[in-house]
């Protein structure tokens, strides 16, 4: 089993990369199809630290990825299922905590189209984490070491 710090670091890295590659790309595709009025990778500053929106979203993706990295050894099931559940939890936090804190109505005012777009984007983040996390785990480089014993030397 990997050390706790390794799991947290790799989970946060996978979460941040999944935001940039999967979540934001999904939102950009929605923009290209005309399903939303705002493009992805927005650099508009958002409170409280006036960071660009894409940086803020990437930070939160890293936080959720770190939580997933912590939970992996204790939760049973395939990685994609764990990442999908983490995506649902992140979506619920965004809908019911962060949107009201920013002055918007909870769950987009229960309008189906923005809720569906949000659901798909968060699930794409979950798929991205489940694809990236195994690739980030350290492995041995090169050939597998062979054992040099008497039988091998005699041949």
Protein backbone atom coordinates (compact mmCIF):
# COMPACT_ATOMS: atom_id res chain seq x y z
CA UNK A 1 0.00 0.00 0.00
CA UNK A 2 1.26 3.47 -0.83
CA UNK A 3 2.10 5.90 1.93
CA UNK A 4 -0.53 8.43 2.99
CA UNK A 5 1.41 11.40 1.64
CA UNK A 6 1.88 9.67 -1.73
CA UNK A 7 -1.83 8.90 -2.02
CA UNK A 8 -2.78 12.49 -1.14
CA UNK A 9 -0.25 13.99 -3.56
CA UNK A 10 -1.14 11.71 -6.47
CA UNK A 11 -4.86 12.14 -5.82
CA UNK A 12 -4.56 15.91 -5.84
CA UNK A 13 -2.42 15.84 -8.99
CA UNK A 14 -4.92 13.56 -10.74
CA UNK A 15 -7.81 15.76 -9.58
CA UNK A 16 -6.18 18.95 -10.85
CA UNK A 17 -5.23 17.41 -14.20
CA UNK A 18 -8.72 15.92 -14.59
CA UNK A 19 -10.23 19.39 -14.13
CA UNK A 20 -8.02 20.88 -16.84
CA UNK A 21 -8.24 17.99 -19.31
CA UNK A 22 -11.70 16.47 -18.80
CA UNK A 23 -13.98 18.89 -16.90
CA UNK A 24 -13.01 22.10 -18.68
CA UNK A 25 -12.83 20.40 -22.08
CA UNK A 26 -16.37 19.10 -21.56
CA UNK A 27 -17.56 22.62 -20.73
CA UNK A 28 -15.77 23.96 -23.82
CA UNK A 29 -17.52 21.37 -26.00
CA UNK A 30 -20.84 22.48 -24.51
CA UNK A 31 -19.92 26.06 -25.48
CA UNK A 32 -19.04 25.05 -29.04
CA UNK A 33 -22.40 23.29 -29.44
CA UNK A 34 -24.17 26.38 -28.11
CA UNK A 35 -25.44 24.63 -24.99
CA UNK A 36 -23.93 27.26 -22.68
CA UNK A 37 -23.12 30.94 -23.07
CA UNK A 38 -19.69 30.92 -21.40
CA UNK A 39 -16.52 29.28 -22.65
CA UNK A 40 -14.35 27.12 -20.43
CA UNK A 41 -10.90 28.05 -19.11
CA UNK A 42 -12.24 31.42 -17.95
CA UNK A 43 -9.74 33.78 -16.37
CA UNK A 44 -12.29 36.12 -14.77
CA UNK A 45 -11.29 36.81 -11.18
CA UNK A 46 -13.44 35.28 -8.47
CA UNK A 47 -13.58 36.12 -4.76
CA UNK A 48 -12.31 35.77 -2.08
CA UNK A 49 -8.70 35.81 -3.36
CA UNK A 50 -9.36 37.27 -6.84
CA UNK A 51 -7.82 34.22 -8.48
CA UNK A 52 -8.77 33.33 -12.06
CA UNK A 53 -11.79 31.03 -12.21
CA UNK A 54 -9.87 28.21 -13.89
CA UNK A 55 -7.26 28.33 -11.09
CA UNK A 56 -9.99 28.22 -8.44
CA UNK A 57 -11.72 25.27 -10.09
CA UNK A 58 -8.40 23.46 -10.49
CA UNK A 59 -7.62 24.01 -6.81
CA UNK A 60 -10.93 22.48 -5.76
CA UNK A 61 -10.42 19.58 -8.16
CA UNK A 62 -7.08 18.96 -6.45
CA UNK A 63 -8.74 19.06 -3.02
CA UNK A 64 -11.42 16.55 -4.09
CA UNK A 65 -8.73 14.38 -5.69
CA UNK A 66 -6.74 14.40 -2.45
CA UNK A 67 -9.85 13.29 -0.56
CA UNK A 68 -10.31 10.49 -3.09
CA UNK A 69 -6.66 9.51 -2.67
CA UNK A 70 -7.17 9.30 1.09
CA UNK A 71 -10.35 7.24 0.79
CA UNK A 72 -9.16 4.71 -1.81
CA UNK A 73 -7.77 2.06 0.57
CA UNK A 74 -10.87 2.00 2.77
CA UNK A 75 -13.64 2.07 0.16
CA UNK A 76 -14.42 -1.07 -1.80
CA UNK A 77 -15.26 -1.21 -5.47
CA UNK A 78 -13.66 -0.31 -8.78
CA UNK A 79 -11.75 2.95 -9.10
CA UNK A 80 -14.16 4.40 -11.66
CA UNK A 81 -17.05 3.90 -9.24
CA UNK A 82 -15.15 5.62 -6.42
CA UNK A 83 -14.29 8.53 -8.72
CA UNK A 84 -17.91 8.80 -9.91
CA UNK A 85 -19.14 8.97 -6.31
CA UNK A 86 -16.47 11.59 -5.53
CA UNK A 87 -17.70 13.57 -8.55
CA UNK A 88 -21.26 13.38 -7.23
CA UNK A 89 -20.13 14.59 -3.80
CA UNK A 90 -18.20 17.47 -5.39
CA UNK A 91 -21.25 18.35 -7.48
CA UNK A 92 -23.50 18.31 -4.41
CA UNK A 93 -21.09 20.60 -2.55
CA UNK A 94 -21.01 22.98 -5.50
CA UNK A 95 -24.79 22.99 -5.91
CA UNK A 96 -25.84 23.31 -2.30
CA UNK A 97 -22.92 25.08 -0.62
CA UNK A 98 -20.76 27.04 -3.04
CA UNK A 99 -23.49 28.39 -5.35
CA UNK A 100 -25.53 29.84 -2.45
CA UNK A 101 -22.35 31.28 -0.91
CA UNK A 102 -21.67 33.08 -4.20
CA UNK A 103 -25.18 34.54 -4.21
CA UNK A 104 -26.70 32.16 -6.77
CA UNK A 105 -29.70 29.94 -6.21
CA UNK A 106 -29.02 26.40 -5.01
CA UNK A 107 -28.82 23.73 -7.71
CA UNK A 108 -29.19 26.35 -10.46
CA UNK A 109 -32.76 27.06 -9.34
CA UNK A 110 -33.66 23.47 -10.24
CA UNK A 111 -33.41 24.22 -13.97
CA UNK A 112 -32.79 20.98 -15.83
CA UNK A 113 -30.32 22.16 -18.51
CA UNK A 114 -27.65 23.68 -16.22
CA UNK A 115 -28.05 20.81 -13.77
CA UNK A 116 -27.46 18.28 -16.55
CA UNK A 117 -24.41 20.18 -17.85
CA UNK A 118 -22.99 20.32 -14.35
CA UNK A 119 -23.65 16.62 -13.77
CA UNK A 120 -21.93 15.63 -17.01
CA UNK A 121 -18.93 17.89 -16.35
CA UNK A 122 -18.43 16.54 -12.82
CA UNK A 123 -18.76 12.95 -14.01
CA UNK A 124 -16.19 13.64 -16.73
CA UNK A 125 -13.91 14.85 -13.94
CA UNK A 126 -14.53 11.55 -12.14
CA UNK A 127 -13.73 9.57 -15.28
CA UNK A 128 -10.58 11.63 -15.73
CA UNK A 129 -9.42 10.94 -12.19
CA UNK A 130 -10.08 7.22 -12.60
CA UNK A 131 -8.00 7.20 -15.80
CA UNK A 132 -5.15 9.41 -14.58
CA UNK A 133 -4.64 8.13 -11.04
CA UNK A 134 -3.37 4.65 -12.00
CA UNK A 135 -1.00 6.22 -14.54
CA UNK A 136 0.55 8.43 -11.86
CA UNK A 137 1.38 5.65 -9.40
CA UNK A 138 5.11 4.94 -9.29
CA UNK A 139 6.34 1.68 -10.81
CA UNK A 140 9.66 0.07 -11.50
CA UNK A 141 11.39 1.12 -14.70
CA UNK A 142 13.11 -1.42 -16.91
CA UNK A 143 13.13 -5.17 -16.97
CA UNK A 144 12.20 -7.35 -14.09
CA UNK A 145 15.31 -8.43 -12.24
CA UNK A 146 16.30 -12.05 -12.65
CA UNK A 147 17.71 -14.24 -9.95
CA UNK A 148 21.22 -15.51 -10.57
CA UNK A 149 21.44 -18.81 -8.80
CA UNK A 150 23.39 -21.99 -9.38
CA UNK A 151 20.97 -23.39 -11.97
CA UNK A 152 21.24 -20.37 -14.21
CA UNK A 153 25.02 -20.22 -13.95
CA UNK A 154 25.36 -23.94 -14.77
CA UNK A 155 23.44 -23.60 -18.05
